[in-house]
Amino acid sequence: MENKDTHRADAIKDILRDFITERFLIFSSLDSFEETNSFMEKGIIDSTGVLELLEFIEEKFGIKIEDEEVIPDNFDSLQKLVNYILRKLGYAG
C-alpha cells in the first residue's frame, strides 16, 4: 500500500513541478527548485501566480479548494502542495 501511495505522490509531484517550472521559473532567476523550497521566499510564485496555480490544481485534480485552505501550510512548497492534494483526494491522513 505504501508503494502505491509513494507512486501517487511522485506522480502528483511531477505534474506540479512541470507546471510550476513551465509557468513560473521563466520569470525567476532559478533554474530549478527543491520540493521544500518556499515558493514565496524563493520568488518562484507571486500572489498572482498563486491564483493560477489554484486554478490548475482544481482543474487537473478535480478538487475544490476552499478559501480558508489557501494558507502557506498547504501551498508554499511543492511538498506541501502534494500533501494537501493527497489529503483532498482522500489518500493521506
N, C-alpha and C. Protein backbone atom coordinates (compact mmCIF):
# COMPACT_ATOMS: atom_id res chain seq x y z
N MET A 1 0.82 -1.19 0.00
CA MET A 1 0.00 0.00 0.00
C MET A 1 0.87 1.26 0.00
N GLU A 2 1.92 1.25 0.81
CA GLU A 2 2.79 2.42 0.88
C GLU A 2 3.44 2.70 -0.47
N ASN A 3 3.82 1.66 -1.20
CA ASN A 3 4.43 1.83 -2.51
C ASN A 3 3.47 2.53 -3.47
N LYS A 4 2.19 2.15 -3.41
CA LYS A 4 1.17 2.78 -4.25
C LYS A 4 1.01 4.27 -3.87
N ASP A 5 1.01 4.55 -2.56
CA ASP A 5 0.91 5.94 -2.10
C ASP A 5 2.13 6.74 -2.51
N THR A 6 3.31 6.14 -2.44
CA THR A 6 4.54 6.81 -2.85
C THR A 6 4.50 7.11 -4.35
N HIS A 7 4.05 6.14 -5.12
CA HIS A 7 3.93 6.34 -6.57
C HIS A 7 2.94 7.46 -6.88
N ARG A 8 1.82 7.47 -6.18
CA ARG A 8 0.80 8.50 -6.38
C ARG A 8 1.38 9.88 -6.04
N ALA A 9 2.08 9.98 -4.92
CA ALA A 9 2.68 11.25 -4.51
C ALA A 9 3.72 11.70 -5.53
N ASP A 10 4.53 10.77 -6.02
CA ASP A 10 5.55 11.12 -7.02
C ASP A 10 4.91 11.60 -8.31
N ALA A 11 3.81 10.98 -8.72
CA ALA A 11 3.13 11.39 -9.95
C ALA A 11 2.57 12.80 -9.80
N ILE A 12 1.95 13.09 -8.66
CA ILE A 12 1.41 14.43 -8.41
C ILE A 12 2.56 15.44 -8.38
N LYS A 13 3.64 15.08 -7.72
CA LYS A 13 4.81 15.97 -7.63
C LYS A 13 5.35 16.29 -9.03
N ASP A 14 5.44 15.29 -9.89
CA ASP A 14 5.94 15.51 -11.25
C ASP A 14 5.04 16.45 -12.03
N ILE A 15 3.73 16.26 -11.93
CA ILE A 15 2.77 17.12 -12.62
C ILE A 15 2.92 18.56 -12.15
N LEU A 16 2.98 18.76 -10.85
CA LEU A 16 3.11 20.11 -10.29
C LEU A 16 4.45 20.74 -10.64
N ARG A 17 5.53 19.96 -10.53
CA ARG A 17 6.86 20.50 -10.86
C ARG A 17 6.90 20.97 -12.31
N ASP A 18 6.35 20.16 -13.22
CA ASP A 18 6.32 20.55 -14.64
C ASP A 18 5.55 21.85 -14.84
N PHE A 19 4.37 21.94 -14.23
CA PHE A 19 3.55 23.14 -14.37
C PHE A 19 4.27 24.37 -13.82
N ILE A 20 4.81 24.25 -12.61
CA ILE A 20 5.48 25.38 -11.97
C ILE A 20 6.72 25.79 -12.75
N THR A 21 7.49 24.82 -13.22
CA THR A 21 8.69 25.13 -13.99
C THR A 21 8.34 25.84 -15.29
N GLU A 22 7.35 25.32 -16.01
CA GLU A 22 6.96 25.91 -17.30
C GLU A 22 6.31 27.27 -17.15
N ARG A 23 5.52 27.47 -16.10
CA ARG A 23 4.78 28.72 -15.94
C ARG A 23 5.50 29.80 -15.18
N PHE A 24 6.30 29.42 -14.19
CA PHE A 24 6.83 30.42 -13.27
C PHE A 24 8.34 30.58 -13.27
N LEU A 25 9.09 29.56 -13.57
CA LEU A 25 10.54 29.72 -13.50
C LEU A 25 11.10 30.58 -14.61
N ILE A 26 10.34 30.77 -15.68
CA ILE A 26 10.80 31.68 -16.73
C ILE A 26 10.89 33.11 -16.22
N PHE A 27 10.18 33.41 -15.15
CA PHE A 27 10.20 34.74 -14.54
C PHE A 27 11.13 34.81 -13.34
N SER A 28 11.77 33.71 -13.03
CA SER A 28 12.61 33.61 -11.84
C SER A 28 14.08 33.50 -12.22
N SER A 29 14.94 33.80 -11.29
CA SER A 29 16.37 33.62 -11.52
C SER A 29 16.78 32.17 -11.27
N LEU A 30 15.84 31.34 -10.84
CA LEU A 30 16.12 29.94 -10.56
C LEU A 30 15.93 29.09 -11.81
N ASP A 31 16.75 28.05 -11.93
CA ASP A 31 16.56 27.07 -13.00
C ASP A 31 15.71 25.91 -12.50
N SER A 32 15.77 25.67 -11.20
CA SER A 32 15.01 24.58 -10.60
C SER A 32 14.80 24.91 -9.13
N PHE A 33 14.07 24.05 -8.44
CA PHE A 33 13.82 24.28 -7.03
C PHE A 33 13.67 22.94 -6.31
N GLU A 34 13.92 22.97 -5.02
CA GLU A 34 13.78 21.78 -4.19
C GLU A 34 12.32 21.67 -3.74
N GLU A 35 11.90 20.46 -3.41
CA GLU A 35 10.49 20.27 -3.06
C GLU A 35 10.10 20.96 -1.77
N THR A 36 11.07 21.32 -0.93
CA THR A 36 10.74 22.01 0.32
C THR A 36 10.97 23.52 0.24
N ASN A 37 11.44 24.03 -0.89
CA ASN A 37 11.64 25.48 -1.03
C ASN A 37 10.31 26.23 -0.95
N SER A 38 10.33 27.32 -0.20
CA SER A 38 9.15 28.18 -0.13
C SER A 38 9.00 28.91 -1.45
N PHE A 39 7.83 28.79 -2.07
CA PHE A 39 7.58 29.47 -3.34
C PHE A 39 7.72 30.98 -3.20
N MET A 40 7.17 31.53 -2.13
CA MET A 40 7.18 32.98 -1.95
C MET A 40 8.58 33.47 -1.57
N GLU A 41 9.24 32.80 -0.62
CA GLU A 41 10.57 33.24 -0.18
C GLU A 41 11.60 33.16 -1.30
N LYS A 42 11.50 32.15 -2.14
CA LYS A 42 12.45 31.97 -3.24
C LYS A 42 12.06 32.76 -4.49
N GLY A 43 10.89 33.42 -4.44
CA GLY A 43 10.45 34.20 -5.59
C GLY A 43 10.01 33.35 -6.77
N ILE A 44 9.58 32.14 -6.50
CA ILE A 44 9.14 31.24 -7.57
C ILE A 44 7.74 31.61 -8.05
N ILE A 45 6.85 31.87 -7.09
CA ILE A 45 5.47 32.22 -7.42
C ILE A 45 5.08 33.45 -6.62
N ASP A 46 4.47 34.42 -7.30
CA ASP A 46 3.98 35.61 -6.60
C ASP A 46 2.48 35.42 -6.31
N SER A 47 1.87 36.44 -5.73
CA SER A 47 0.46 36.30 -5.33
C SER A 47 -0.46 36.07 -6.52
N THR A 48 -0.17 36.66 -7.65
CA THR A 48 -0.98 36.42 -8.85
C THR A 48 -0.77 34.99 -9.35
N GLY A 49 0.45 34.52 -9.26
CA GLY A 49 0.76 33.16 -9.67
C GLY A 49 0.05 32.12 -8.83
N VAL A 50 -0.16 32.43 -7.55
CA VAL A 50 -0.87 31.51 -6.67
C VAL A 50 -2.27 31.26 -7.23
N LEU A 51 -2.93 32.29 -7.71
CA LEU A 51 -4.28 32.13 -8.27
C LEU A 51 -4.25 31.21 -9.49
N GLU A 52 -3.26 31.37 -10.33
CA GLU A 52 -3.11 30.50 -11.50
C GLU A 52 -2.84 29.06 -11.07
N LEU A 53 -2.02 28.88 -10.04
CA LEU A 53 -1.72 27.56 -9.52
C LEU A 53 -2.98 26.90 -8.95
N LEU A 54 -3.77 27.66 -8.19
CA LEU A 54 -5.01 27.12 -7.62
C LEU A 54 -5.95 26.65 -8.71
N GLU A 55 -6.10 27.45 -9.75
CA GLU A 55 -6.97 27.08 -10.87
C GLU A 55 -6.48 25.79 -11.54
N PHE A 56 -5.17 25.70 -11.75
CA PHE A 56 -4.60 24.50 -12.35
C PHE A 56 -4.89 23.27 -11.49
N ILE A 57 -4.67 23.37 -10.18
CA ILE A 57 -4.89 22.24 -9.28
C ILE A 57 -6.35 21.81 -9.30
N GLU A 58 -7.26 22.76 -9.24
CA GLU A 58 -8.68 22.41 -9.26
C GLU A 58 -9.05 21.68 -10.55
N GLU A 59 -8.57 22.17 -11.67
CA GLU A 59 -8.89 21.55 -12.95
C GLU A 59 -8.20 20.20 -13.13
N LYS A 60 -6.93 20.13 -12.81
CA LYS A 60 -6.14 18.93 -13.05
C LYS A 60 -6.54 17.77 -12.14
N PHE A 61 -6.82 18.09 -10.88
CA PHE A 61 -7.08 17.04 -9.90
C PHE A 61 -8.55 16.92 -9.52
N GLY A 62 -9.39 17.79 -10.06
CA GLY A 62 -10.82 17.70 -9.82
C GLY A 62 -11.21 17.94 -8.37
N ILE A 63 -10.52 18.87 -7.73
CA ILE A 63 -10.85 19.18 -6.34
C ILE A 63 -11.28 20.63 -6.22
N LYS A 64 -12.05 20.92 -5.18
CA LYS A 64 -12.48 22.28 -4.89
C LYS A 64 -11.63 22.80 -3.73
N ILE A 65 -10.93 23.89 -3.98
CA ILE A 65 -10.10 24.49 -2.95
C ILE A 65 -10.91 25.60 -2.27
N GLU A 66 -11.11 25.44 -0.99
CA GLU A 66 -11.86 26.43 -0.21
C GLU A 66 -10.93 27.60 0.16
N ASP A 67 -11.50 28.79 0.27
CA ASP A 67 -10.71 29.98 0.59
C ASP A 67 -9.88 29.79 1.85
N GLU A 68 -10.47 29.18 2.88
CA GLU A 68 -9.75 29.02 4.14
C GLU A 68 -8.61 28.01 4.06
N GLU A 69 -8.55 27.24 2.98
CA GLU A 69 -7.47 26.28 2.80
C GLU A 69 -6.24 26.90 2.12
N VAL A 70 -6.40 28.11 1.60
CA VAL A 70 -5.30 28.77 0.90
C VAL A 70 -4.40 29.45 1.92
N ILE A 71 -3.56 28.62 2.53
CA ILE A 71 -2.63 29.07 3.56
C ILE A 71 -1.24 28.50 3.23
N PRO A 72 -0.19 29.12 3.75
CA PRO A 72 1.16 28.63 3.45
C PRO A 72 1.37 27.15 3.80
N ASP A 73 0.73 26.66 4.87
CA ASP A 73 0.90 25.25 5.24
C ASP A 73 0.43 24.30 4.15
N ASN A 74 -0.42 24.76 3.25
CA ASN A 74 -0.91 23.93 2.15
C ASN A 74 -0.26 24.24 0.81
N PHE A 75 0.19 25.47 0.61
CA PHE A 75 0.54 25.90 -0.73
C PHE A 75 1.92 26.53 -0.92
N ASP A 76 2.76 26.58 0.08
CA ASP A 76 4.00 27.34 -0.07
C ASP A 76 5.24 26.50 -0.40
N SER A 77 5.07 25.25 -0.81
CA SER A 77 6.18 24.46 -1.32
C SER A 77 5.61 23.30 -2.11
N LEU A 78 6.43 22.68 -2.89
CA LEU A 78 5.98 21.54 -3.68
C LEU A 78 5.51 20.41 -2.76
N GLN A 79 6.26 20.13 -1.71
CA GLN A 79 5.88 19.05 -0.79
C GLN A 79 4.57 19.35 -0.08
N LYS A 80 4.39 20.60 0.34
CA LYS A 80 3.13 20.97 1.00
C LYS A 80 1.95 20.83 0.04
N LEU A 81 2.16 21.19 -1.21
CA LEU A 81 1.11 21.04 -2.22
C LEU A 81 0.73 19.59 -2.43
N VAL A 82 1.73 18.74 -2.56
CA VAL A 82 1.47 17.31 -2.76
C VAL A 82 0.69 16.74 -1.58
N ASN A 83 1.12 17.06 -0.37
CA ASN A 83 0.42 16.57 0.83
C ASN A 83 -1.02 17.07 0.87
N TYR A 84 -1.22 18.33 0.53
CA TYR A 84 -2.57 18.90 0.51
C TYR A 84 -3.45 18.18 -0.51
N ILE A 85 -2.95 18.00 -1.71
CA ILE A 85 -3.73 17.34 -2.76
C ILE A 85 -4.06 15.90 -2.37
N LEU A 86 -3.09 15.19 -1.82
CA LEU A 86 -3.35 13.81 -1.36
C LEU A 86 -4.46 13.79 -0.30
N ARG A 87 -4.42 14.73 0.63
CA ARG A 87 -5.49 14.80 1.65
C ARG A 87 -6.84 15.08 1.01
N LYS A 88 -6.87 16.04 0.07
CA LYS A 88 -8.12 16.40 -0.59
C LYS A 88 -8.69 15.23 -1.40
N LEU A 89 -7.81 14.42 -1.95
CA LEU A 89 -8.24 13.26 -2.74
C LEU A 89 -8.55 12.05 -1.84
N GLY A 90 -8.28 12.19 -0.54
CA GLY A 90 -8.59 11.12 0.40
C GLY A 90 -7.54 10.04 0.51
N TYR A 91 -6.29 10.33 0.11
CA TYR A 91 -5.23 9.32 0.14
C TYR A 91 -4.30 9.44 1.33
N ALA A 92 -4.34 10.52 2.06
CA ALA A 92 -3.42 10.70 3.17
C ALA A 92 -4.17 11.28 4.37
N GLY A 93 -3.64 10.97 5.54
CA GLY A 93 -4.27 11.45 6.78
C GLY A 93 -4.13 12.91 6.93
